Amino acid sequence: MKKPGQELPPFVKSWKQFYVLLIGWLALLIVGFYIFTRYFE
């Protein structure tokens, strides 16, 4: 039997932290692409 957090990446302590990091990363990408497209307009 596996432990509940075994399938998570080693730097993440819980699923809540994983989702917060994922949403933060996606938001950073969206903002980055927005600034990129504004800069080269």
Protein backbone atom coordinates (compact mmCIF):
# COMPACT_ATOMS: atom_id res chain seq x y z
CA MET A 1 0.00 0.00 0.00
CA LYS A 2 1.32 3.40 -1.01
CA LYS A 3 1.45 6.45 1.23
CA PRO A 4 -1.06 9.20 0.26
CA GLY A 5 1.57 11.72 -0.84
CA GLN A 6 3.87 9.28 -2.62
CA GLU A 7 2.85 10.19 -6.17
CA LEU A 8 3.54 13.91 -5.58
CA PRO A 9 6.81 15.54 -6.70
CA PRO A 10 9.44 15.53 -3.91
CA PHE A 11 9.37 19.34 -3.39
CA VAL A 12 5.60 19.44 -2.73
CA LYS A 13 4.21 18.61 0.71
CA SER A 14 0.48 18.35 -0.11
CA TRP A 15 -2.00 18.39 -2.99
CA LYS A 16 -3.17 21.88 -1.96
CA GLN A 17 0.39 23.22 -2.27
CA PHE A 18 0.74 21.44 -5.63
CA TYR A 19 -2.38 23.13 -7.00
CA VAL A 20 -1.33 26.54 -5.65
CA LEU A 21 2.06 26.17 -7.37
CA LEU A 22 0.39 25.00 -10.59
CA ILE A 23 -2.05 27.94 -10.68
CA GLY A 24 0.75 30.36 -9.81
CA TRP A 25 2.96 28.97 -12.60
CA LEU A 26 0.13 29.22 -15.15
CA ALA A 27 -0.64 32.80 -14.08
CA LEU A 28 3.06 33.69 -14.43
CA LEU A 29 3.12 32.24 -17.95
CA ILE A 30 -0.02 34.13 -18.96
CA VAL A 31 1.36 37.43 -17.66
CA GLY A 32 4.72 36.72 -19.28
CA PHE A 33 3.20 36.04 -22.69
CA TYR A 34 0.97 39.10 -22.37
CA ILE A 35 3.98 41.35 -21.66
CA PHE A 36 5.91 39.66 -24.49
CA THR A 37 3.16 40.32 -27.03
CA ARG A 38 2.70 43.92 -25.83
CA TYR A 39 6.45 44.57 -26.10
CA PHE A 40 6.74 43.31 -29.70
CA GLU A 41 3.53 44.89 -30.94
